């Protein structure tokens, strides 16, 4: 089920992991829908495991585009190493990106979202999700 361009009118979204893969596809779809309606997009690079970088990303987004309506916590990393070969530092890196990153993004975005995990009136889908 897709989202109509009209549902995205005037919305501001942050998509983590937008540099490649699924995140790039989501960001491209949102940018295209916004462009059709006279919107614009910005690119901000940040390490989702670093609270200071996430705060800067959110600040820049709010400053340049207004509030934040949509958060897509898409970024994720994996390792193909066997457990017996995986060192703790690399494992913690995976956890920092895949678990701590979405937590930090949600925490930073919520004060700028205009609501706390509100539901869209058009559906039962959350407007912000992890």
Protein backbone atom coordinates (compact mmCIF):
# COMPACT_ATOMS: atom_id res chain seq x y z
CA UNK A 1 0.00 0.00 0.00
CA UNK A 2 1.51 3.28 -1.05
CA UNK A 3 1.21 6.80 0.25
CA UNK A 4 -0.33 9.41 -2.00
CA UNK A 5 1.54 12.59 -2.89
CA UNK A 6 -1.29 14.55 -1.29
CA UNK A 7 -0.73 12.77 2.06
CA UNK A 8 2.87 13.98 1.95
CA UNK A 9 2.08 17.60 1.10
CA UNK A 10 3.82 19.92 3.53
CA UNK A 11 5.47 17.06 5.39
CA UNK A 12 9.12 16.94 6.45
CA UNK A 13 10.81 13.55 6.64
CA UNK A 14 14.13 12.24 7.90
CA UNK A 15 15.27 8.95 6.36
CA UNK A 16 18.28 7.29 7.95
CA UNK A 17 20.39 5.09 5.72
CA UNK A 18 19.33 7.07 2.65
CA UNK A 19 22.74 6.74 1.04
CA UNK A 20 22.04 3.29 -0.43
CA UNK A 21 19.60 0.42 -0.72
CA UNK A 22 16.09 0.60 0.70
CA UNK A 23 16.78 3.96 2.39
CA UNK A 24 17.81 5.50 -0.93
CA UNK A 25 14.58 4.21 -2.48
CA UNK A 26 12.45 5.62 0.33
CA UNK A 27 14.24 8.99 0.20
CA UNK A 28 13.88 9.14 -3.59
CA UNK A 29 10.15 8.39 -3.38
CA UNK A 30 9.63 11.06 -0.72
CA UNK A 31 11.73 13.60 -2.63
CA UNK A 32 9.86 12.92 -5.86
CA UNK A 33 6.49 13.29 -4.14
CA UNK A 34 7.63 16.51 -2.49
CA UNK A 35 9.04 17.91 -5.72
CA UNK A 36 5.70 17.40 -7.48
CA UNK A 37 4.12 19.59 -4.81
CA UNK A 38 6.80 22.31 -4.85
CA UNK A 39 8.73 20.92 -1.90
CA UNK A 40 12.45 20.51 -1.51
CA UNK A 41 14.92 18.09 0.06
CA UNK A 42 18.23 18.44 1.83
CA UNK A 43 20.97 15.89 2.41
CA UNK A 44 22.59 15.66 5.83
CA UNK A 45 25.22 13.07 6.69
CA UNK A 46 25.31 11.82 10.28
CA UNK A 47 26.46 8.83 12.32
CA UNK A 48 23.24 7.55 13.92
CA UNK A 49 25.21 6.06 16.81
CA UNK A 50 26.41 9.54 17.85
CA UNK A 51 23.86 11.63 19.77
CA UNK A 52 25.66 14.89 18.94
CA UNK A 53 25.53 14.17 15.20
CA UNK A 54 21.84 13.24 15.40
CA UNK A 55 21.07 16.42 17.32
CA UNK A 56 22.90 18.43 14.63
CA UNK A 57 20.97 16.62 11.87
CA UNK A 58 17.65 17.38 13.56
CA UNK A 59 18.63 21.01 14.24
CA UNK A 60 19.62 21.51 10.59
CA UNK A 61 16.40 19.89 9.37
CA UNK A 62 14.22 22.01 11.64
CA UNK A 63 16.13 25.19 10.75
CA UNK A 64 15.96 24.63 6.99
CA UNK A 65 12.60 22.86 6.60
CA UNK A 66 10.50 23.57 9.68
CA UNK A 67 9.37 20.74 11.96
CA UNK A 68 9.67 17.02 11.42
CA UNK A 69 6.63 14.92 10.54
CA UNK A 70 8.09 11.60 9.47
CA UNK A 71 11.05 9.61 10.76
CA UNK A 72 12.14 6.51 8.86
CA UNK A 73 14.70 4.63 10.96
CA UNK A 74 16.05 2.58 8.10
CA UNK A 75 19.81 2.45 8.64
CA UNK A 76 21.26 -0.89 9.66
CA UNK A 77 24.48 -2.81 9.44
CA UNK A 78 25.35 -6.49 9.65
CA UNK A 79 28.39 -8.65 9.89
CA UNK A 80 29.03 -11.95 8.17
CA UNK A 81 31.66 -13.01 10.66
CA UNK A 82 31.11 -16.11 12.72
CA UNK A 83 30.46 -15.48 16.40
CA UNK A 84 33.74 -17.10 17.38
CA UNK A 85 35.60 -14.71 15.04
CA UNK A 86 33.67 -11.55 15.94
CA UNK A 87 35.33 -9.26 18.45
CA UNK A 88 33.31 -7.34 21.03
CA UNK A 89 34.14 -3.91 19.57
CA UNK A 90 32.69 -4.81 16.18
CA UNK A 91 29.62 -6.36 17.83
CA UNK A 92 29.05 -3.17 19.86
CA UNK A 93 29.30 -1.20 16.61
CA UNK A 94 26.45 -3.25 15.14
CA UNK A 95 24.34 -2.69 18.27
CA UNK A 96 25.12 1.03 18.31
CA UNK A 97 23.88 1.50 14.74
CA UNK A 98 20.97 -0.96 14.77
CA UNK A 99 19.58 -0.38 18.28
CA UNK A 100 20.99 2.79 19.78
CA UNK A 101 20.69 4.73 16.51
CA UNK A 102 16.89 4.46 16.21
CA UNK A 103 16.53 5.29 19.91
CA UNK A 104 18.67 8.42 19.54
CA UNK A 105 16.81 9.48 16.39
CA UNK A 106 13.39 9.08 18.01
CA UNK A 107 14.53 10.91 21.12
CA UNK A 108 15.93 13.82 19.07
CA UNK A 109 12.96 14.08 16.69
CA UNK A 110 10.04 13.86 19.12
CA UNK A 111 10.38 17.39 20.57
CA UNK A 112 10.16 18.76 17.00
CA UNK A 113 7.32 16.57 15.77
CA UNK A 114 4.44 18.60 17.18
CA UNK A 115 3.03 15.49 18.85
CA UNK A 116 4.16 12.43 20.68
CA UNK A 117 3.61 9.30 18.58
CA UNK A 118 0.28 10.51 17.28
CA UNK A 119 -1.78 8.43 14.89
CA UNK A 120 -2.66 9.58 11.41
CA UNK A 121 -6.38 10.38 11.12
CA UNK A 122 -6.45 8.67 7.72
CA UNK A 123 -5.26 5.33 9.08
CA UNK A 124 -4.06 3.45 12.08
CA UNK A 125 -0.41 3.85 11.00
CA UNK A 126 1.84 5.87 13.29
CA UNK A 127 3.20 9.05 11.72
CA UNK A 128 6.51 8.48 13.46
CA UNK A 129 7.87 4.98 13.80
CA UNK A 130 11.06 3.18 14.67
